[in-house]
All heavy atoms as atom14 arrays in JSON, in Angstrom:
{
  "sequence": "QPAAFGWLLDQTFEFAQSMANAEDYLNIYMLLEIGFGIAFQLPLVI",
  "atom14_mask": [
    [1, 1, 1, 1, 1, 1, 1, 1, 1, 0, 0, 0, 0, 0],
    [1, 1, 1, 1, 1, 1, 1, 0, 0, 0, 0, 0, 0, 0],
    [1, 1, 1, 1, 1, 0, 0, 0, 0, 0, 0, 0, 0, 0],
    [1, 1, 1, 1, 1, 0, 0, 0, 0, 0, 0, 0, 0, 0],
    [1, 1, 1, 1, 1, 1, 1, 1, 1, 1, 1, 0, 0, 0],
    [1, 1, 1, 1, 0, 0, 0, 0, 0, 0, 0, 0, 0, 0],
    [1, 1, 1, 1, 1, 1, 1, 1, 1, 1, 1, 1, 1, 1],
    [1, 1, 1, 1, 1, 1, 1, 1, 0, 0, 0, 0, 0, 0],
    [1, 1, 1, 1, 1, 1, 1, 1, 0, 0, 0, 0, 0, 0],
    [1, 1, 1, 1, 1, 1, 1, 1, 0, 0, 0, 0, 0, 0],
    [1, 1, 1, 1, 1, 1, 1, 1, 1, 0, 0, 0, 0, 0],
    [1, 1, 1, 1, 1, 1, 1, 0, 0, 0, 0, 0, 0, 0],
    [1, 1, 1, 1, 1, 1, 1, 1, 1, 1, 1, 0, 0, 0],
    [1, 1, 1, 1, 1, 1, 1, 1, 1, 0, 0, 0, 0, 0],
    [1, 1, 1, 1, 1, 1, 1, 1, 1, 1, 1, 0, 0, 0],
    [1, 1, 1, 1, 1, 0, 0, 0, 0, 0, 0, 0, 0, 0],
    [1, 1, 1, 1, 1, 1, 1, 1, 1, 0, 0, 0, 0, 0],
    [1, 1, 1, 1, 1, 1, 0, 0, 0, 0, 0, 0, 0, 0],
    [1, 1, 1, 1, 1, 1, 1, 1, 0, 0, 0, 0, 0, 0],
    [1, 1, 1, 1, 1, 0, 0, 0, 0, 0, 0, 0, 0, 0],
    [1, 1, 1, 1, 1, 1, 1, 1, 0, 0, 0, 0, 0, 0],
    [1, 1, 1, 1, 1, 0, 0, 0, 0, 0, 0, 0, 0, 0],
    [1, 1, 1, 1, 1, 1, 1, 1, 1, 0, 0, 0, 0, 0],
    [1, 1, 1, 1, 1, 1, 1, 1, 0, 0, 0, 0, 0, 0],
    [1, 1, 1, 1, 1, 1, 1, 1, 1, 1, 1, 1, 0, 0],
    [1, 1, 1, 1, 1, 1, 1, 1, 0, 0, 0, 0, 0, 0],
    [1, 1, 1, 1, 1, 1, 1, 1, 0, 0, 0, 0, 0, 0],
    [1, 1, 1, 1, 1, 1, 1, 1, 0, 0, 0, 0, 0, 0],
    [1, 1, 1, 1, 1, 1, 1, 1, 1, 1, 1, 1, 0, 0],
    [1, 1, 1, 1, 1, 1, 1, 1, 0, 0, 0, 0, 0, 0],
    [1, 1, 1, 1, 1, 1, 1, 1, 0, 0, 0, 0, 0, 0],
    [1, 1, 1, 1, 1, 1, 1, 1, 0, 0, 0, 0, 0, 0],
    [1, 1, 1, 1, 1, 1, 1, 1, 1, 0, 0, 0, 0, 0],
    [1, 1, 1, 1, 1, 1, 1, 1, 0, 0, 0, 0, 0, 0],
    [1, 1, 1, 1, 0, 0, 0, 0, 0, 0, 0, 0, 0, 0],
    [1, 1, 1, 1, 1, 1, 1, 1, 1, 1, 1, 0, 0, 0],
    [1, 1, 1, 1, 0, 0, 0, 0, 0, 0, 0, 0, 0, 0],
    [1, 1, 1, 1, 1, 1, 1, 1, 0, 0, 0, 0, 0, 0],
    [1, 1, 1, 1, 1, 0, 0, 0, 0, 0, 0, 0, 0, 0],
    [1, 1, 1, 1, 1, 1, 1, 1, 1, 1, 1, 0, 0, 0],
    [1, 1, 1, 1, 1, 1, 1, 1, 1, 0, 0, 0, 0, 0],
    [1, 1, 1, 1, 1, 1, 1, 1, 0, 0, 0, 0, 0, 0],
    [1, 1, 1, 1, 1, 1, 1, 0, 0, 0, 0, 0, 0, 0],
    [1, 1, 1, 1, 1, 1, 1, 1, 0, 0, 0, 0, 0, 0],
    [1, 1, 1, 1, 1, 1, 1, 0, 0, 0, 0, 0, 0, 0],
    [1, 1, 1, 1, 1, 1, 1, 1, 0, 0, 0, 0, 0, 0]
  ],
  "atom14_positions": [
    [[81.34, -103.88, 25.38], [80.71, -103.48, 24.13], [81.31, -104.18, 22.91], [80.56, -104.77, 22.11], [80.81, -101.95, 23.95], [80.09, -101.14, 25.0], [78.58, -101.08, 24.78], [78.04, -101.81, 23.97], [77.91, -100.23, 25.53], [0.0, 0.0, 0.0], [0.0, 0.0, 0.0], [0.0, 0.0, 0.0], [0.0, 0.0, 0.0], [0.0, 0.0, 0.0]],
    [[82.63, -104.16, 22.72], [83.18, -104.85, 21.53], [82.88, -106.35, 21.54], [82.53, -106.92, 20.49], [84.69, -104.59, 21.66], [84.79, -103.36, 22.49], [83.67, -103.45, 23.48], [0.0, 0.0, 0.0], [0.0, 0.0, 0.0], [0.0, 0.0, 0.0], [0.0, 0.0, 0.0], [0.0, 0.0, 0.0], [0.0, 0.0, 0.0], [0.0, 0.0, 0.0]],
    [[83.0, -106.99, 22.7], [82.75, -108.43, 22.77], [81.28, -108.76, 22.52], [80.95, -109.7, 21.79], [83.19, -108.97, 24.13], [0.0, 0.0, 0.0], [0.0, 0.0, 0.0], [0.0, 0.0, 0.0], [0.0, 0.0, 0.0], [0.0, 0.0, 0.0], [0.0, 0.0, 0.0], [0.0, 0.0, 0.0], [0.0, 0.0, 0.0], [0.0, 0.0, 0.0]],
    [[80.38, -107.98, 23.12], [78.95, -108.25, 22.99], [78.47, -108.04, 21.56], [77.8, -108.92, 20.98], [78.17, -107.34, 23.94], [0.0, 0.0, 0.0], [0.0, 0.0, 0.0], [0.0, 0.0, 0.0], [0.0, 0.0, 0.0], [0.0, 0.0, 0.0], [0.0, 0.0, 0.0], [0.0, 0.0, 0.0], [0.0, 0.0, 0.0], [0.0, 0.0, 0.0]],
    [[78.8, -106.9, 20.97], [78.36, -106.65, 19.6], [79.05, -107.58, 18.61], [78.46, -107.97, 17.6], [78.62, -105.18, 19.23], [77.55, -104.25, 19.71], [77.71, -103.55, 20.91], [76.37, -104.09, 19.01], [76.73, -102.68, 21.36], [75.38, -103.23, 19.46], [75.55, -102.52, 20.64], [0.0, 0.0, 0.0], [0.0, 0.0, 0.0], [0.0, 0.0, 0.0]],
    [[80.31, -107.92, 18.9], [81.0, -108.87, 18.03], [80.28, -110.21, 17.98], [80.07, -110.79, 16.9], [0.0, 0.0, 0.0], [0.0, 0.0, 0.0], [0.0, 0.0, 0.0], [0.0, 0.0, 0.0], [0.0, 0.0, 0.0], [0.0, 0.0, 0.0], [0.0, 0.0, 0.0], [0.0, 0.0, 0.0], [0.0, 0.0, 0.0], [0.0, 0.0, 0.0]],
    [[79.88, -110.72, 19.15], [79.18, -112.0, 19.19], [77.81, -111.9, 18.53], [77.42, -112.77, 17.76], [79.01, -112.45, 20.64], [78.41, -113.82, 20.76], [79.07, -115.02, 20.77], [77.01, -114.13, 20.88], [78.18, -116.06, 20.88], [76.91, -115.55, 20.96], [75.85, -113.37, 20.94], [75.69, -116.19, 21.08], [74.62, -114.01, 21.05], [74.55, -115.41, 21.12]],
    [[77.07, -110.84, 18.83], [75.72, -110.69, 18.28], [75.74, -110.6, 16.76], [74.94, -111.26, 16.08], [75.06, -109.44, 18.86], [74.62, -109.52, 20.34], [74.19, -108.14, 20.83], [73.49, -110.52, 20.5], [0.0, 0.0, 0.0], [0.0, 0.0, 0.0], [0.0, 0.0, 0.0], [0.0, 0.0, 0.0], [0.0, 0.0, 0.0], [0.0, 0.0, 0.0]],
    [[76.66, -109.8, 16.22], [76.69, -109.62, 14.77], [77.24, -110.85, 14.06], [76.86, -111.12, 12.91], [77.51, -108.38, 14.43], [76.86, -107.06, 14.85], [77.81, -105.89, 14.63], [75.57, -106.83, 14.07], [0.0, 0.0, 0.0], [0.0, 0.0, 0.0], [0.0, 0.0, 0.0], [0.0, 0.0, 0.0], [0.0, 0.0, 0.0], [0.0, 0.0, 0.0]],
    [[78.11, -111.6, 14.71], [78.6, -112.84, 14.11], [77.46, -113.82, 13.86], [77.52, -114.62, 12.92], [79.66, -113.49, 15.0], [81.02, -112.82, 14.86], [81.19, -112.05, 13.9], [81.89, -113.05, 15.73], [0.0, 0.0, 0.0], [0.0, 0.0, 0.0], [0.0, 0.0, 0.0], [0.0, 0.0, 0.0], [0.0, 0.0, 0.0], [0.0, 0.0, 0.0]],
    [[76.42, -113.77, 14.69], [75.28, -114.67, 14.51], [74.54, -114.35, 13.21], [73.94, -115.23, 12.59], [74.31, -114.55, 15.69], [74.93, -114.69, 17.05], [75.85, -115.89, 17.17], [75.44, -117.03, 16.97], [77.11, -115.64, 17.48], [0.0, 0.0, 0.0], [0.0, 0.0, 0.0], [0.0, 0.0, 0.0], [0.0, 0.0, 0.0], [0.0, 0.0, 0.0]],
    [[74.61, -113.08, 12.79], [73.96, -112.67, 11.54], [74.86, -112.89, 10.34], [74.42, -113.42, 9.3], [73.58, -111.17, 11.61], [72.66, -110.98, 12.68], [72.93, -110.72, 10.31], [0.0, 0.0, 0.0], [0.0, 0.0, 0.0], [0.0, 0.0, 0.0], [0.0, 0.0, 0.0], [0.0, 0.0, 0.0], [0.0, 0.0, 0.0], [0.0, 0.0, 0.0]],
    [[76.13, -112.53, 10.45], [77.04, -112.59, 9.31], [77.28, -114.01, 8.81], [77.78, -114.2, 7.7], [78.37, -111.93, 9.66], [78.27, -110.44, 9.85], [79.01, -109.81, 10.84], [77.45, -109.69, 9.04], [78.92, -108.43, 11.01], [77.35, -108.31, 9.2], [78.1, -107.69, 10.19], [0.0, 0.0, 0.0], [0.0, 0.0, 0.0], [0.0, 0.0, 0.0]],
    [[76.93, -115.0, 9.62], [77.11, -116.38, 9.19], [76.13, -116.77, 8.1], [76.35, -117.75, 7.39], [76.97, -117.33, 10.39], [78.14, -117.24, 11.36], [78.02, -118.24, 12.49], [77.03, -118.99, 12.49], [78.89, -118.28, 13.37], [0.0, 0.0, 0.0], [0.0, 0.0, 0.0], [0.0, 0.0, 0.0], [0.0, 0.0, 0.0], [0.0, 0.0, 0.0]],
    [[75.03, -116.02, 7.95], [74.05, -116.39, 6.92], [73.44, -115.19, 6.18], [72.71, -115.36, 5.21], [72.92, -117.22, 7.53], [72.07, -116.47, 8.52], [70.93, -115.78, 8.11], [72.41, -116.44, 9.86], [70.16, -115.09, 9.02], [71.63, -115.74, 10.78], [70.51, -115.07, 10.36], [0.0, 0.0, 0.0], [0.0, 0.0, 0.0], [0.0, 0.0, 0.0]],
    [[73.73, -113.94, 6.64], [73.11, -112.78, 5.98], [73.91, -111.52, 6.26], [74.78, -111.5, 7.14], [71.67, -112.6, 6.48], [0.0, 0.0, 0.0], [0.0, 0.0, 0.0], [0.0, 0.0, 0.0], [0.0, 0.0, 0.0], [0.0, 0.0, 0.0], [0.0, 0.0, 0.0], [0.0, 0.0, 0.0], [0.0, 0.0, 0.0], [0.0, 0.0, 0.0]],
    [[73.6, -110.48, 5.5], [74.16, -109.16, 5.76], [73.26, -108.41, 6.72], [72.04, -108.57, 6.68], [74.31, -108.38, 4.45], [75.37, -108.94, 3.52], [76.77, -108.87, 4.14], [77.16, -107.84, 4.7], [77.51, -109.96, 4.03], [0.0, 0.0, 0.0], [0.0, 0.0, 0.0], [0.0, 0.0, 0.0], [0.0, 0.0, 0.0], [0.0, 0.0, 0.0]],
    [[73.86, -107.59, 7.54], [73.09, -106.86, 8.53], [72.9, -105.41, 8.1], [73.87, -104.71, 7.77], [73.81, -106.89, 9.89], [73.15, -106.06, 10.82], [0.0, 0.0, 0.0], [0.0, 0.0, 0.0], [0.0, 0.0, 0.0], [0.0, 0.0, 0.0], [0.0, 0.0, 0.0], [0.0, 0.0, 0.0], [0.0, 0.0, 0.0], [0.0, 0.0, 0.0]],
    [[71.63, -104.95, 8.06], [71.33, -103.54, 7.84], [71.05, -102.94, 9.21], [69.97, -103.13, 9.78], [70.12, -103.37, 6.91], [69.8, -101.93, 6.61], [68.54, -101.73, 5.33], [69.48, -102.19, 3.87], [0.0, 0.0, 0.0], [0.0, 0.0, 0.0], [0.0, 0.0, 0.0], [0.0, 0.0, 0.0], [0.0, 0.0, 0.0], [0.0, 0.0, 0.0]],
    [[72.02, -102.26, 9.75], [71.99, -101.86, 11.15], [71.01, -100.71, 11.39], [71.17, -99.62, 10.83], [73.39, -101.45, 11.6], [0.0, 0.0, 0.0], [0.0, 0.0, 0.0], [0.0, 0.0, 0.0], [0.0, 0.0, 0.0], [0.0, 0.0, 0.0], [0.0, 0.0, 0.0], [0.0, 0.0, 0.0], [0.0, 0.0, 0.0], [0.0, 0.0, 0.0]],
    [[70.01, -100.96, 12.22], [69.08, -99.93, 12.64], [69.75, -99.1, 13.74], [70.07, -99.62, 14.81], [67.79, -100.57, 13.17], [66.73, -99.56, 13.54], [67.04, -98.46, 13.97], [65.48, -99.94, 13.39], [0.0, 0.0, 0.0], [0.0, 0.0, 0.0], [0.0, 0.0, 0.0], [0.0, 0.0, 0.0], [0.0, 0.0, 0.0], [0.0, 0.0, 0.0]],
    [[69.99, -97.83, 13.47], [70.74, -96.98, 14.41], [70.09, -96.96, 15.78], [70.78, -97.03, 16.81], [70.84, -95.56, 13.85], [0.0, 0.0, 0.0], [0.0, 0.0, 0.0], [0.0, 0.0, 0.0], [0.0, 0.0, 0.0], [0.0, 0.0, 0.0], [0.0, 0.0, 0.0], [0.0, 0.0, 0.0], [0.0, 0.0, 0.0], [0.0, 0.0, 0.0]],
    [[68.76, -96.88, 15.83], [68.06, -96.79, 17.11], [68.25, -98.06, 17.93], [68.5, -98.01, 19.13], [66.58, -96.52, 16.91], [65.85, -96.18, 18.19], [64.47, -95.61, 17.95], [64.05, -95.52, 16.79], [63.8, -95.23, 18.93], [0.0, 0.0, 0.0], [0.0, 0.0, 0.0], [0.0, 0.0, 0.0], [0.0, 0.0, 0.0], [0.0, 0.0, 0.0]],
    [[68.16, -99.23, 17.27], [68.34, -100.5, 17.98], [69.75, -100.62, 18.55], [69.94, -100.99, 19.71], [68.07, -101.68, 17.04], [66.59, -101.83, 16.73], [65.77, -101.24, 17.45], [66.27, -102.54, 15.75], [0.0, 0.0, 0.0], [0.0, 0.0, 0.0], [0.0, 0.0, 0.0], [0.0, 0.0, 0.0], [0.0, 0.0, 0.0], [0.0, 0.0, 0.0]],
    [[70.73, -100.31, 17.72], [72.12, -100.44, 18.15], [72.42, -99.51, 19.33], [73.02, -99.92, 20.33], [73.08, -100.11, 16.99], [73.35, -101.27, 16.08], [72.32, -101.97, 15.48], [74.65, -101.68, 15.81], [72.57, -103.03, 14.62], [74.93, -102.75, 14.97], [73.87, -103.42, 14.37], [74.13, -104.48, 13.55], [0.0, 0.0, 0.0], [0.0, 0.0, 0.0]],
    [[72.01, -98.26, 19.2], [72.33, -97.29, 20.25], [71.53, -97.55, 21.52], [72.02, -97.29, 22.62], [72.08, -95.87, 19.73], [73.04, -95.43, 18.61], [72.65, -94.07, 18.06], [74.49, -95.42, 19.09], [0.0, 0.0, 0.0], [0.0, 0.0, 0.0], [0.0, 0.0, 0.0], [0.0, 0.0, 0.0], [0.0, 0.0, 0.0], [0.0, 0.0, 0.0]],
    [[70.3, -98.06, 21.37], [69.53, -98.42, 22.58], [70.25, -99.5, 23.38], [70.36, -99.42, 24.61], [68.14, -98.92, 22.18], [67.18, -97.78, 21.86], [67.46, -96.63, 22.18], [66.08, -98.09, 21.22], [0.0, 0.0, 0.0], [0.0, 0.0, 0.0], [0.0, 0.0, 0.0], [0.0, 0.0, 0.0], [0.0, 0.0, 0.0], [0.0, 0.0, 0.0]],
    [[70.72, -100.55, 22.69], [71.44, -101.62, 23.37], [72.72, -101.08, 23.99], [73.07, -101.4, 25.13], [71.77, -102.77, 22.39], [70.48, -103.47, 21.95], [72.72, -103.78, 23.03], [70.7, -104.54, 20.9], [0.0, 0.0, 0.0], [0.0, 0.0, 0.0], [0.0, 0.0, 0.0], [0.0, 0.0, 0.0], [0.0, 0.0, 0.0], [0.0, 0.0, 0.0]],
    [[73.4, -100.23, 23.24], [74.65, -99.63, 23.72], [74.42, -98.86, 25.03], [75.13, -99.06, 26.02], [75.19, -98.69, 22.65], [76.56, -98.13, 22.92], [77.67, -98.62, 22.26], [76.76, -97.09, 23.84], [78.94, -98.11, 22.49], [78.01, -96.58, 24.07], [79.1, -97.09, 23.4], [80.35, -96.58, 23.64], [0.0, 0.0, 0.0], [0.0, 0.0, 0.0]],
    [[73.4, -98.01, 25.05], [73.14, -97.18, 26.23], [72.64, -98.01, 27.41], [73.02, -97.77, 28.56], [72.14, -96.07, 25.88], [72.71, -95.01, 24.95], [71.58, -93.63, 24.59], [70.41, -94.42, 23.49], [0.0, 0.0, 0.0], [0.0, 0.0, 0.0], [0.0, 0.0, 0.0], [0.0, 0.0, 0.0], [0.0, 0.0, 0.0], [0.0, 0.0, 0.0]],
    [[71.81, -99.01, 27.13], [71.31, -99.86, 28.21], [72.45, -100.66, 28.84], [72.48, -100.85, 30.07], [70.24, -100.8, 27.68], [68.88, -100.16, 27.37], [67.95, -101.17, 26.68], [68.22, -99.64, 28.64], [0.0, 0.0, 0.0], [0.0, 0.0, 0.0], [0.0, 0.0, 0.0], [0.0, 0.0, 0.0], [0.0, 0.0, 0.0], [0.0, 0.0, 0.0]],
    [[73.38, -101.12, 28.03], [74.53, -101.85, 28.57], [75.37, -100.94, 29.48], [75.78, -101.34, 30.56], [75.4, -102.39, 27.44], [74.94, -103.69, 26.77], [75.81, -104.0, 25.56], [74.97, -104.85, 27.75], [0.0, 0.0, 0.0], [0.0, 0.0, 0.0], [0.0, 0.0, 0.0], [0.0, 0.0, 0.0], [0.0, 0.0, 0.0], [0.0, 0.0, 0.0]],
    [[75.62, -99.72, 29.02], [76.42, -98.79, 29.82], [75.75, -98.49, 31.16], [76.39, -98.55, 32.22], [76.64, -97.49, 29.03], [77.55, -97.62, 27.84], [79.01, -97.78, 28.22], [79.37, -97.42, 29.36], [79.81, -98.27, 27.39], [0.0, 0.0, 0.0], [0.0, 0.0, 0.0], [0.0, 0.0, 0.0], [0.0, 0.0, 0.0], [0.0, 0.0, 0.0]],
    [[74.47, -98.16, 31.12], [73.75, -97.86, 32.36], [73.67, -99.1, 33.24], [73.82, -99.03, 34.47], [72.34, -97.33, 32.05], [72.41, -95.98, 31.34], [71.52, -97.21, 33.33], [73.01, -94.87, 32.16], [0.0, 0.0, 0.0], [0.0, 0.0, 0.0], [0.0, 0.0, 0.0], [0.0, 0.0, 0.0], [0.0, 0.0, 0.0], [0.0, 0.0, 0.0]],
    [[73.43, -100.27, 32.62], [73.33, -101.52, 33.38], [74.59, -101.83, 34.14], [74.54, -102.18, 35.33], [0.0, 0.0, 0.0], [0.0, 0.0, 0.0], [0.0, 0.0, 0.0], [0.0, 0.0, 0.0], [0.0, 0.0, 0.0], [0.0, 0.0, 0.0], [0.0, 0.0, 0.0], [0.0, 0.0, 0.0], [0.0, 0.0, 0.0], [0.0, 0.0, 0.0]],
    [[75.75, -101.66, 33.51], [77.01, -101.94, 34.18], [77.32, -100.86, 35.22], [77.89, -101.16, 36.27], [78.15, -102.05, 33.16], [78.34, -103.44, 32.64], [77.54, -103.93, 31.63], [79.29, -104.28, 33.18], [77.7, -105.21, 31.14], [79.47, -105.58, 32.72], [78.66, -106.05, 31.69], [0.0, 0.0, 0.0], [0.0, 0.0, 0.0], [0.0, 0.0, 0.0]],
    [[76.95, -99.62, 34.93], [77.16, -98.56, 35.92], [76.39, -98.83, 37.19], [76.91, -98.65, 38.3], [0.0, 0.0, 0.0], [0.0, 0.0, 0.0], [0.0, 0.0, 0.0], [0.0, 0.0, 0.0], [0.0, 0.0, 0.0], [0.0, 0.0, 0.0], [0.0, 0.0, 0.0], [0.0, 0.0, 0.0], [0.0, 0.0, 0.0], [0.0, 0.0, 0.0]],
    [[75.14, -99.27, 37.05], [74.32, -99.59, 38.22], [74.81, -100.86, 38.9], [74.87, -100.94, 40.13], [72.83, -99.73, 37.81], [72.3, -98.37, 37.33], [71.99, -100.24, 38.97], [70.9, -98.43, 36.77], [0.0, 0.0, 0.0], [0.0, 0.0, 0.0], [0.0, 0.0, 0.0], [0.0, 0.0, 0.0], [0.0, 0.0, 0.0], [0.0, 0.0, 0.0]],
    [[75.16, -101.87, 38.11], [75.61, -103.14, 38.69], [76.87, -102.96, 39.53], [77.06, -103.67, 40.52], [75.87, -104.16, 37.58], [0.0, 0.0, 0.0], [0.0, 0.0, 0.0], [0.0, 0.0, 0.0], [0.0, 0.0, 0.0], [0.0, 0.0, 0.0], [0.0, 0.0, 0.0], [0.0, 0.0, 0.0], [0.0, 0.0, 0.0], [0.0, 0.0, 0.0]],
    [[77.7, -102.0, 39.18], [78.93, -101.77, 39.94], [78.67, -101.11, 41.29], [79.61, -100.88, 42.06], [79.91, -100.91, 39.12], [80.88, -101.71, 38.3], [80.41, -102.65, 37.38], [82.24, -101.55, 38.42], [81.29, -103.4, 36.6], [83.13, -102.29, 37.66], [82.65, -103.22, 36.76], [0.0, 0.0, 0.0], [0.0, 0.0, 0.0], [0.0, 0.0, 0.0]],
    [[77.4, -100.82, 41.6], [77.06, -100.33, 42.94], [76.95, -101.48, 43.94], [76.82, -101.24, 45.15], [75.73, -99.56, 42.91], [75.68, -98.42, 41.92], [76.75, -97.37, 42.17], [76.92, -96.89, 43.28], [77.48, -97.03, 41.1], [0.0, 0.0, 0.0], [0.0, 0.0, 0.0], [0.0, 0.0, 0.0], [0.0, 0.0, 0.0], [0.0, 0.0, 0.0]],
    [[76.98, -102.71, 43.45], [76.82, -103.87, 44.33], [77.76, -103.87, 45.53], [77.32, -104.19, 46.65], [77.0, -105.16, 43.52], [76.97, -106.46, 44.33], [75.56, -106.73, 44.84], [77.48, -107.64, 43.49], [0.0, 0.0, 0.0], [0.0, 0.0, 0.0], [0.0, 0.0, 0.0], [0.0, 0.0, 0.0], [0.0, 0.0, 0.0], [0.0, 0.0, 0.0]],
    [[79.04, -103.54, 45.37], [79.93, -103.57, 46.55], [79.44, -102.7, 47.7], [79.57, -103.08, 48.87], [81.26, -103.06, 46.0], [81.21, -103.32, 44.54], [79.78, -103.18, 44.15], [0.0, 0.0, 0.0], [0.0, 0.0, 0.0], [0.0, 0.0, 0.0], [0.0, 0.0, 0.0], [0.0, 0.0, 0.0], [0.0, 0.0, 0.0], [0.0, 0.0, 0.0]],
    [[78.89, -101.53, 47.38], [78.4, -100.65, 48.44], [77.2, -101.25, 49.16], [77.07, -101.13, 50.37], [78.03, -99.28, 47.86], [79.21, -98.38, 47.5], [78.72, -97.1, 46.85], [80.05, -98.06, 48.71], [0.0, 0.0, 0.0], [0.0, 0.0, 0.0], [0.0, 0.0, 0.0], [0.0, 0.0, 0.0], [0.0, 0.0, 0.0], [0.0, 0.0, 0.0]],
    [[76.33, -101.9, 48.4], [75.16, -102.54, 49.02], [75.61, -103.63, 49.98], [75.17, -103.68, 51.14], [74.24, -103.12, 47.93], [73.06, -103.88, 48.58], [73.7, -102.02, 47.03], [0.0, 0.0, 0.0], [0.0, 0.0, 0.0], [0.0, 0.0, 0.0], [0.0, 0.0, 0.0], [0.0, 0.0, 0.0], [0.0, 0.0, 0.0], [0.0, 0.0, 0.0]],
    [[76.49, -104.49, 49.52], [77.0, -105.59, 50.36], [77.77, -105.03, 51.55], [77.63, -105.49, 52.69], [77.91, -106.52, 49.53], [77.13, -107.12, 48.35], [78.47, -107.62, 50.42], [75.93, -107.93, 48.74], [0.0, 0.0, 0.0], [0.0, 0.0, 0.0], [0.0, 0.0, 0.0], [0.0, 0.0, 0.0], [0.0, 0.0, 0.0], [0.0, 0.0, 0.0]]
  ]
}
């Protein structure tokens, strides 16, 4: 989360200020968490 949001927001701060939409930020946050939780099931599948 810190690395991903850091990189994404750096792309904006180089030329503009970011007005953070709470829904967009939290949607990405939750999708990342669920995505990694599911991806970590790979060892059991293999």
